Amino acid sequence: MARIPYSRFLLASFPKEKVGWWYIFFKPDMIREIELGRVHFGIRPRPAIRLTYEDKGERREVYLSFDDEFQRQMVLEDLLLDAQKEEVL
């Protein structure tokens, strides 16, 4: 789940149709790859996760960015824990 607020920076802004709450739904068994890195957007690089998952035979990627390393680590641990639970079932 992510929120894109309306904002303006100099002459640029997000298109109105992109502003709001966005959701992606997937189950742990759909995850194919998790890669840590940084997203370069704005004035500083942000800790990030690139998550590759498969939905109805189609591979998709989503980039999750975080304010700090601690937040990224918390989400990573949650993703890995869910993946382990799925393997046991």
PDB file of N, CA and C in Angstrom:
ATOM      1  N   MET A   1       0.843  -1.153   0.000  1.00  0.00           N
ATOM      2  CA  MET A   1       0.000   0.000   0.000  1.00  0.00           C
ATOM      3  C   MET A   1       0.899   1.229   0.000  1.00  0.00           C
ATOM      4  N   ALA A   2       0.590   2.174  -0.810  1.00  0.00           N
ATOM      5  CA  ALA A   2       1.380   3.409  -0.884  1.00  0.00           C
ATOM      6  C   ALA A   2       0.448   4.587  -1.120  1.00  0.00           C
ATOM      7  N   ARG A   3       0.875   5.731  -0.631  1.00  0.00           N
ATOM      8  CA  ARG A   3       0.101   6.953  -0.829  1.00  0.00           C
ATOM      9  C   ARG A   3       0.950   7.949  -1.610  1.00  0.00           C
ATOM     10  N   ILE A   4       0.392   8.462  -2.676  1.00  0.00           N
ATOM     11  CA  ILE A   4       1.047   9.514  -3.447  1.00  0.00           C
ATOM     12  C   ILE A   4       0.286  10.805  -3.183  1.00  0.00           C
ATOM     13  N   PRO A   5       0.894  11.708  -2.409  1.00  0.00           N
ATOM     14  CA  PRO A   5       0.202  12.969  -2.112  1.00  0.00           C
ATOM     15  C   PRO A   5       0.333  13.941  -3.279  1.00  0.00           C
ATOM     16  N   TYR A   6      -0.592  14.866  -3.346  1.00  0.00           N
ATOM     17  CA  TYR A   6      -0.463  15.924  -4.343  1.00  0.00           C
ATOM     18  C   TYR A   6       0.638  16.864  -3.881  1.00  0.00           C
ATOM     19  N   SER A   7       1.563  17.162  -4.762  1.00  0.00           N
ATOM     20  CA  SER A   7       2.621  18.114  -4.426  1.00  0.00           C
ATOM     21  C   SER A   7       3.136  18.755  -5.699  1.00  0.00           C
ATOM     22  N   ARG A   8       3.759  19.879  -5.527  1.00  0.00           N
ATOM     23  CA  ARG A   8       4.372  20.592  -6.647  1.00  0.00           C
ATOM     24  C   ARG A   8       5.805  20.892  -6.265  1.00  0.00           C
ATOM     25  N   PHE A   9       6.686  20.723  -7.221  1.00  0.00           N
ATOM     26  CA  PHE A   9       8.085  21.096  -7.034  1.00  0.00           C
ATOM     27  C   PHE A   9       8.503  21.855  -8.276  1.00  0.00           C
ATOM     28  N   LEU A  10       8.787  23.119  -8.109  1.00  0.00           N
ATOM     29  CA  LEU A  10       9.078  24.007  -9.237  1.00  0.00           C
ATOM     30  C   LEU A  10       7.904  23.943 -10.203  1.00  0.00           C
ATOM     31  N   LEU A  11       8.121  23.457 -11.412  1.00  0.00           N
ATOM     32  CA  LEU A  11       7.033  23.390 -12.392  1.00  0.00           C
ATOM     33  C   LEU A  11       6.441  21.994 -12.529  1.00  0.00           C
ATOM     34  N   ALA A  12       6.966  21.031 -11.774  1.00  0.00           N
ATOM     35  CA  ALA A  12       6.529  19.648 -11.921  1.00  0.00           C
ATOM     36  C   ALA A  12       5.530  19.264 -10.830  1.00  0.00           C
ATOM     37  N   SER A  13       4.635  18.350 -11.169  1.00  0.00           N
ATOM     38  CA  SER A  13       3.710  17.786 -10.189  1.00  0.00           C
ATOM     39  C   SER A  13       3.246  16.429 -10.711  1.00  0.00           C
ATOM     40  N   PHE A  14       2.690  15.605  -9.808  1.00  0.00           N
ATOM     41  CA  PHE A  14       2.133  14.324 -10.231  1.00  0.00           C
ATOM     42  C   PHE A  14       0.826  14.577 -10.964  1.00  0.00           C
ATOM     43  N   PRO A  15       0.530  13.804 -12.007  1.00  0.00           N
ATOM     44  CA  PRO A  15      -0.786  13.916 -12.651  1.00  0.00           C
ATOM     45  C   PRO A  15      -1.883  13.586 -11.637  1.00  0.00           C
ATOM     46  N   LYS A  16      -3.014  14.262 -11.707  1.00  0.00           N
ATOM     47  CA  LYS A  16      -4.085  14.070 -10.731  1.00  0.00           C
ATOM     48  C   LYS A  16      -4.547  12.620 -10.647  1.00  0.00           C
ATOM     49  N   GLU A  17      -4.527  11.886 -11.763  1.00  0.00           N
ATOM     50  CA  GLU A  17      -4.988  10.492 -11.742  1.00  0.00           C
ATOM     51  C   GLU A  17      -4.021   9.563 -11.013  1.00  0.00           C
ATOM     52  N   LYS A  18      -2.792  10.019 -10.742  1.00  0.00           N
ATOM     53  CA  LYS A  18      -1.805   9.209 -10.012  1.00  0.00           C
ATOM     54  C   LYS A  18      -1.821   9.494  -8.511  1.00  0.00           C
ATOM     55  N   VAL A  19      -2.461  10.575  -8.086  1.00  0.00           N
ATOM     56  CA  VAL A  19      -2.504  10.960  -6.680  1.00  0.00           C
ATOM     57  C   VAL A  19      -3.523  10.086  -5.952  1.00  0.00           C
ATOM     58  N   GLY A  20      -3.153   9.641  -4.746  1.00  0.00           N
ATOM     59  CA  GLY A  20      -4.080   8.854  -3.932  1.00  0.00           C
ATOM     60  C   GLY A  20      -3.408   7.610  -3.381  1.00  0.00           C
ATOM     61  N   TRP A  21      -4.226   6.649  -2.958  1.00  0.00           N
ATOM     62  CA  TRP A  21      -3.733   5.395  -2.399  1.00  0.00           C
ATOM     63  C   TRP A  21      -3.650   4.340  -3.490  1.00  0.00           C
ATOM     64  N   TRP A  22      -2.539   3.587  -3.497  1.00  0.00           N
ATOM     65  CA  TRP A  22      -2.305   2.518  -4.470  1.00  0.00           C
ATOM     66  C   TRP A  22      -2.030   1.222  -3.711  1.00  0.00           C
ATOM     67  N   TYR A  23      -2.545   0.124  -4.235  1.00  0.00           N
ATOM     68  CA  TYR A  23      -2.428  -1.166  -3.576  1.00  0.00           C
ATOM     69  C   TYR A  23      -1.916  -2.221  -4.547  1.00  0.00           C
ATOM     70  N   ILE A  24      -1.140  -3.157  -4.018  1.00  0.00           N
ATOM     71  CA  ILE A  24      -0.738  -4.347  -4.773  1.00  0.00           C
ATOM     72  C   ILE A  24      -0.991  -5.535  -3.857  1.00  0.00           C
ATOM     73  N   PHE A  25      -1.702  -6.524  -4.352  1.00  0.00           N
ATOM     74  CA  PHE A  25      -2.006  -7.710  -3.568  1.00  0.00           C
ATOM     75  C   PHE A  25      -1.270  -8.903  -4.154  1.00  0.00           C
ATOM     76  N   PHE A  26      -0.568  -9.633  -3.282  1.00  0.00           N
ATOM     77  CA  PHE A  26       0.083 -10.859  -3.691  1.00  0.00           C
ATOM     78  C   PHE A  26       0.226 -11.762  -2.473  1.00  0.00           C
ATOM     79  N   LYS A  27       0.363 -13.062  -2.734  1.00  0.00           N
ATOM     80  CA  LYS A  27       0.573 -14.042  -1.669  1.00  0.00           C
ATOM     81  C   LYS A  27       2.046 -14.426  -1.645  1.00  0.00           C
ATOM     82  N   PRO A  28       2.531 -14.904  -0.502  1.00  0.00           N
ATOM     83  CA  PRO A  28       3.957 -15.266  -0.406  1.00  0.00           C
ATOM     84  C   PRO A  28       4.422 -16.241  -1.486  1.00  0.00           C
ATOM     85  N   ASP A  29       3.566 -17.185  -1.877  1.00  0.00           N
ATOM     86  CA  ASP A  29       3.997 -18.156  -2.890  1.00  0.00           C
ATOM     87  C   ASP A  29       4.119 -17.542  -4.288  1.00  0.00           C
ATOM     88  N   MET A  30       3.687 -16.300  -4.461  1.00  0.00           N
ATOM     89  CA  MET A  30       3.815 -15.615  -5.746  1.00  0.00           C
ATOM     90  C   MET A  30       5.173 -14.933  -5.894  1.00  0.00           C
ATOM     91  N   ILE A  31       5.899 -14.754  -4.788  1.00  0.00           N
ATOM     92  CA  ILE A  31       7.182 -14.046  -4.820  1.00  0.00           C
ATOM     93  C   ILE A  31       8.235 -14.910  -5.501  1.00  0.00           C
ATOM     94  N   ARG A  32       8.944 -14.326  -6.438  1.00  0.00           N
ATOM     95  CA  ARG A  32      10.002 -15.035  -7.169  1.00  0.00           C
ATOM     96  C   ARG A  32      11.396 -14.511  -6.827  1.00  0.00           C
ATOM     97  N   GLU A  33      11.495 -13.230  -6.465  1.00  0.00           N
ATOM     98  CA  GLU A  33      12.807 -12.650  -6.186  1.00  0.00           C
ATOM     99  C   GLU A  33      12.646 -11.406  -5.311  1.00  0.00           C
ATOM    100  N   ILE A  34      13.596 -11.240  -4.384  1.00  0.00           N
ATOM    101  CA  ILE A  34      13.660 -10.041  -3.550  1.00  0.00           C
ATOM    102  C   ILE A  34      15.073  -9.499  -3.657  1.00  0.00           C
ATOM    103  N   GLU A  35      15.203  -8.257  -4.066  1.00  0.00           N
ATOM    104  CA  GLU A  35      16.523  -7.641  -4.216  1.00  0.00           C
ATOM    105  C   GLU A  35      16.556  -6.309  -3.466  1.00  0.00           C
ATOM    106  N   LEU A  36      17.604  -6.139  -2.670  1.00  0.00           N
ATOM    107  CA  LEU A  36      17.789  -4.885  -1.935  1.00  0.00           C
ATOM    108  C   LEU A  36      18.603  -3.914  -2.768  1.00  0.00           C
ATOM    109  N   GLY A  37      18.321  -2.641  -2.615  1.00  0.00           N
ATOM    110  CA  GLY A  37      19.074  -1.615  -3.336  1.00  0.00           C
ATOM    111  C   GLY A  37      18.635  -0.236  -2.899  1.00  0.00           C
ATOM    112  N   ARG A  38      18.805   0.712  -3.789  1.00  0.00           N
ATOM    113  CA  ARG A  38      18.414   2.095  -3.523  1.00  0.00           C
ATOM    114  C   ARG A  38      17.650   2.631  -4.736  1.00  0.00           C
ATOM    115  N   VAL A  39      16.672   3.482  -4.451  1.00  0.00           N
ATOM    116  CA  VAL A  39      15.935   4.172  -5.497  1.00  0.00           C
ATOM    117  C   VAL A  39      16.443   5.609  -5.507  1.00  0.00           C
ATOM    118  N   HIS A  40      16.817   6.081  -6.684  1.00  0.00           N
ATOM    119  CA  HIS A  40      17.291   7.455  -6.838  1.00  0.00           C
ATOM    120  C   HIS A  40      16.150   8.292  -7.404  1.00  0.00           C
ATOM    121  N   PHE A  41      15.445   8.974  -6.510  1.00  0.00           N
ATOM    122  CA  PHE A  41      14.308   9.807  -6.883  1.00  0.00           C
ATOM    123  C   PHE A  41      14.234  10.907  -5.844  1.00  0.00           C
ATOM    124  N   GLY A  42      14.237  12.128  -6.268  1.00  0.00           N
ATOM    125  CA  GLY A  42      14.236  13.226  -5.307  1.00  0.00           C
ATOM    126  C   GLY A  42      15.651  13.687  -5.006  1.00  0.00           C
ATOM    127  N   ILE A  43      15.829  14.250  -3.806  1.00  0.00           N
ATOM    128  CA  ILE A  43      17.126  14.856  -3.491  1.00  0.00           C
ATOM    129  C   ILE A  43      18.133  13.874  -2.914  1.00  0.00           C
ATOM    130  N   ARG A  44      17.682  12.685  -2.480  1.00  0.00           N
ATOM    131  CA  ARG A  44      18.631  11.718  -1.934  1.00  0.00           C
ATOM    132  C   ARG A  44      18.181  10.299  -2.261  1.00  0.00           C
ATOM    133  N   PRO A  45      19.138   9.372  -2.384  1.00  0.00           N
ATOM    134  CA  PRO A  45      18.769   7.970  -2.603  1.00  0.00           C
ATOM    135  C   PRO A  45      18.020   7.418  -1.383  1.00  0.00           C
ATOM    136  N   ARG A  46      17.092   6.497  -1.637  1.00  0.00           N
ATOM    137  CA  ARG A  46      16.301   5.898  -0.560  1.00  0.00           C
ATOM    138  C   ARG A  46      16.512   4.389  -0.547  1.00  0.00           C
ATOM    139  N   PRO A  47      16.587   3.776   0.649  1.00  0.00           N
ATOM    140  CA  PRO A  47      16.650   2.317   0.719  1.00  0.00           C
ATOM    141  C   PRO A  47      15.418   1.732   0.021  1.00  0.00           C
ATOM    142  N   ALA A  48      15.619   0.619  -0.687  1.00  0.00           N
ATOM    143  CA  ALA A  48      14.511   0.072  -1.477  1.00  0.00           C
ATOM    144  C   ALA A  48      14.582  -1.450  -1.560  1.00  0.00           C
ATOM    145  N   ILE A  49      13.463  -2.018  -1.946  1.00  0.00           N
ATOM    146  CA  ILE A  49      13.343  -3.443  -2.256  1.00  0.00           C
ATOM    147  C   ILE A  49      12.694  -3.549  -3.620  1.00  0.00           C
ATOM    148  N   ARG A  50      13.325  -4.361  -4.498  1.00  0.00           N
ATOM    149  CA  ARG A  50      12.662  -4.714  -5.764  1.00  0.00           C
ATOM    150  C   ARG A  50      12.086  -6.106  -5.566  1.00  0.00           C
ATOM    151  N   LEU A  51      10.788  -6.199  -5.677  1.00  0.00           N
ATOM    152  CA  LEU A  51      10.086  -7.453  -5.457  1.00  0.00           C
ATOM    153  C   LEU A  51       9.545  -7.936  -6.796  1.00  0.00           C
ATOM    154  N   THR A  52       9.962  -9.125  -7.195  1.00  0.00           N
ATOM    155  CA  THR A  52       9.444  -9.735  -8.418  1.00  0.00           C
ATOM    156  C   THR A  52       8.469 -10.826  -8.007  1.00  0.00           C
ATOM    157  N   TYR A  53       7.267 -10.769  -8.552  1.00  0.00           N
ATOM    158  CA  TYR A  53       6.270 -11.783  -8.236  1.00  0.00           C
ATOM    159  C   TYR A  53       5.580 -12.218  -9.526  1.00  0.00           C
ATOM    160  N   GLU A  54       4.908 -13.367  -9.442  1.00  0.00           N
ATOM    161  CA  GLU A  54       4.222 -13.906 -10.614  1.00  0.00           C
ATOM    162  C   GLU A  54       2.725 -13.938 -10.340  1.00  0.00           C
ATOM    163  N   ASP A  55       1.972 -13.342 -11.238  1.00  0.00           N
ATOM    164  CA  ASP A  55       0.522 -13.282 -11.108  1.00  0.00           C
ATOM    165  C   ASP A  55      -0.106 -13.811 -12.386  1.00  0.00           C
ATOM    166  N   LYS A  56      -0.786 -14.926 -12.280  1.00  0.00           N
ATOM    167  CA  LYS A  56      -1.456 -15.560 -13.423  1.00  0.00           C
ATOM    168  C   LYS A  56      -0.493 -15.784 -14.584  1.00  0.00           C
ATOM    169  N   GLY A  57       0.701 -16.280 -14.261  1.00  0.00           N
ATOM    170  CA  GLY A  57       1.699 -16.597 -15.269  1.00  0.00           C
ATOM    171  C   GLY A  57       2.503 -15.415 -15.779  1.00  0.00           C
ATOM    172  N   GLU A  58       2.212 -14.226 -15.304  1.00  0.00           N
ATOM    173  CA  GLU A  58       2.931 -13.025 -15.742  1.00  0.00           C
ATOM    174  C   GLU A  58       3.822 -12.507 -14.619  1.00  0.00           C
ATOM    175  N   ARG A  59       5.109 -12.311 -14.936  1.00  0.00           N
ATOM    176  CA  ARG A  59       6.051 -11.774 -13.944  1.00  0.00           C
ATOM    177  C   ARG A  59       5.883 -10.258 -13.863  1.00  0.00           C
ATOM    178  N   ARG A  60       5.839  -9.769 -12.641  1.00  0.00           N
ATOM    179  CA  ARG A  60       5.683  -8.337 -12.396  1.00  0.00           C
ATOM    180  C   ARG A  60       6.712  -7.897 -11.377  1.00  0.00           C
ATOM    181  N   GLU A  61       7.073  -6.627 -11.427  1.00  0.00           N
ATOM    182  CA  GLU A  61       8.019  -6.062 -10.472  1.00  0.00           C
ATOM    183  C   GLU A  61       7.384  -4.862  -9.791  1.00  0.00           C
ATOM    184  N   VAL A  62       7.707  -4.727  -8.513  1.00  0.00           N
ATOM    185  CA  VAL A  62       7.283  -3.555  -7.768  1.00  0.00           C
ATOM    186  C   VAL A  62       8.499  -3.068  -6.973  1.00  0.00           C
ATOM    187  N   TYR A  63       8.648  -1.763  -6.909  1.00  0.00           N
ATOM    188  CA  TYR A  63       9.744  -1.151  -6.154  1.00  0.00           C
ATOM    189  C   TYR A  63       9.154  -0.498  -4.913  1.00  0.00           C
ATOM    190  N   LEU A  64       9.675  -0.904  -3.766  1.00  0.00           N
ATOM    191  CA  LEU A  64       9.242  -0.338  -2.496  1.00  0.00           C
ATOM    192  C   LEU A  64      10.377   0.521  -1.960  1.00  0.00           C
ATOM    193  N   SER A  65      10.101   1.767  -1.625  1.00  0.00           N
ATOM    194  CA  SER A  65      11.155   2.625  -1.067  1.00  0.00           C
ATOM    195  C   SER A  65      10.792   3.014   0.358  1.00  0.00           C
ATOM    196  N   PHE A  66      11.823   3.290   1.149  1.00  0.00           N
ATOM    197  CA  PHE A  66      11.651   3.513   2.574  1.00  0.00           C
ATOM    198  C   PHE A  66      12.420   4.748   3.011  1.00  0.00           C
ATOM    199  N   ASP A  67      11.989   5.332   4.127  1.00  0.00           N
ATOM    200  CA  ASP A  67      12.673   6.503   4.667  1.00  0.00           C
ATOM    201  C   ASP A  67      14.044   6.164   5.230  1.00  0.00           C
ATOM    202  N   ASP A  68      14.189   4.920   5.743  1.00  0.00           N
ATOM    203  CA  ASP A  68      15.477   4.545   6.339  1.00  0.00           C
ATOM    204  C   ASP A  68      15.684   3.032   6.258  1.00  0.00           C
ATOM    205  N   GLU A  69      16.891   2.607   6.615  1.00  0.00           N
ATOM    206  CA  GLU A  69      17.266   1.188   6.553  1.00  0.00           C
ATOM    207  C   GLU A  69      16.430   0.344   7.517  1.00  0.00           C
ATOM    208  N   PHE A  70      16.097   0.901   8.687  1.00  0.00           N
ATOM    209  CA  PHE A  70      15.314   0.161   9.676  1.00  0.00           C
ATOM    210  C   PHE A  70      13.954  -0.229   9.109  1.00  0.00           C
ATOM    211  N   GLN A  71      13.270   0.701   8.463  1.00  0.00           N
ATOM    212  CA  GLN A  71      11.962   0.403   7.870  1.00  0.00           C
ATOM    213  C   GLN A  71      12.092  -0.687   6.803  1.00  0.00           C
ATOM    214  N   ARG A  72      13.123  -0.568   5.960  1.00  0.00           N
ATOM    215  CA  ARG A  72      13.323  -1.582   4.911  1.00  0.00           C
ATOM    216  C   ARG A  72      13.555  -2.951   5.531  1.00  0.00           C
ATOM    217  N   GLN A  73      14.368  -3.002   6.583  1.00  0.00           N
ATOM    218  CA  GLN A  73      14.679  -4.273   7.230  1.00  0.00           C
ATOM    219  C   GLN A  73      13.427  -4.908   7.838  1.00  0.00           C
ATOM    220  N   MET A  74      12.565  -4.105   8.425  1.00  0.00           N
ATOM    221  CA  MET A  74      11.323  -4.624   9.007  1.00  0.00           C
ATOM    222  C   MET A  74      10.436  -5.270   7.936  1.00  0.00           C
ATOM    223  N   VAL A  75      10.303  -4.615   6.793  1.00  0.00           N
ATOM    224  CA  VAL A  75       9.488  -5.168   5.707  1.00  0.00           C
ATOM    225  C   VAL A  75      10.151  -6.427   5.135  1.00  0.00           C
ATOM    226  N   LEU A  76      11.466  -6.391   4.958  1.00  0.00           N
ATOM    227  CA  LEU A  76      12.184  -7.559   4.445  1.00  0.00           C
ATOM    228  C   LEU A  76      11.982  -8.760   5.359  1.00  0.00           C
ATOM    229  N   GLU A  77      12.140  -8.569   6.665  1.00  0.00           N
ATOM    230  CA  GLU A  77      11.955  -9.676   7.612  1.00  0.00           C
ATOM    231  C   GLU A  77      10.535 -10.226   7.554  1.00  0.00           C
ATOM    232  N   ASP A  78       9.554  -9.361   7.394  1.00  0.00           N
ATOM    233  CA  ASP A  78       8.166  -9.798   7.280  1.00  0.00           C
ATOM    234  C   ASP A  78       7.953 -10.617   6.007  1.00  0.00           C
ATOM    235  N   LEU A  79       8.503 -10.150   4.896  1.00  0.00           N
ATOM    236  CA  LEU A  79       8.386 -10.898   3.631  1.00  0.00           C
ATOM    237  C   LEU A  79       9.041 -12.274   3.743  1.00  0.00           C
ATOM    238  N   LEU A  80      10.223 -12.328   4.329  1.00  0.00           N
ATOM    239  CA  LEU A  80      10.937 -13.598   4.462  1.00  0.00           C
ATOM    240  C   LEU A  80      10.215 -14.543   5.421  1.00  0.00           C
ATOM    241  N   LEU A  81       9.661 -14.019   6.501  1.00  0.00           N
ATOM    242  CA  LEU A  81       8.914 -14.845   7.445  1.00  0.00           C
ATOM    243  C   LEU A  81       7.680 -15.440   6.778  1.00  0.00           C
ATOM    244  N   ASP A  82       6.942 -14.632   6.027  1.00  0.00           N
ATOM    245  CA  ASP A  82       5.761 -15.138   5.316  1.00  0.00           C
ATOM    246  C   ASP A  82       6.148 -16.212   4.310  1.00  0.00           C
ATOM    247  N   ALA A  83       7.267 -16.022   3.634  1.00  0.00           N
ATOM    248  CA  ALA A  83       7.721 -17.010   2.650  1.00  0.00           C
ATOM    249  C   ALA A  83       8.053 -18.331   3.338  1.00  0.00           C
ATOM    250  N   GLN A  84       8.655 -18.295   4.515  1.00  0.00           N
ATOM    251  CA  GLN A  84       8.976 -19.529   5.258  1.00  0.00           C
ATOM    252  C   GLN A  84       7.708 -20.234   5.713  1.00  0.00           C
ATOM    253  N   LYS A  85       6.730 -19.487   6.185  1.00  0.00           N
ATOM    254  CA  LYS A  85       5.464 -20.076   6.606  1.00  0.00           C
ATOM    255  C   LYS A  85       4.795 -20.778   5.439  1.00  0.00           C
ATOM    256  N   GLU A  86       4.847 -20.168   4.272  1.00  0.00           N
ATOM    257  CA  GLU A  86       4.220 -20.746   3.079  1.00  0.00           C
ATOM    258  C   GLU A  86       4.879 -22.068   2.705  1.00  0.00           C
ATOM    259  N   GLU A  87       6.200 -22.159   2.840  1.00  0.00           N
ATOM    260  CA  GLU A  87       6.917 -23.394   2.503  1.00  0.00           C
ATOM    261  C   GLU A  87       6.518 -24.543   3.422  1.00  0.00           C
ATOM    262  N   VAL A  88       6.237 -24.242   4.681  1.00  0.00           N
ATOM    263  CA  VAL A  88       5.877 -25.265   5.662  1.00  0.00           C
ATOM    264  C   VAL A  88       4.497 -25.837   5.368  1.00  0.00           C
ATOM    265  N   LEU A  89       3.582 -24.983   4.926  1.00  0.00           N
ATOM    266  CA  LEU A  89       2.224 -25.443   4.627  1.00  0.00           C
ATOM    267  C   LEU A  89       2.260 -26.272   3.403  1.00  0.00           C
TER     268      LEU A  89
END
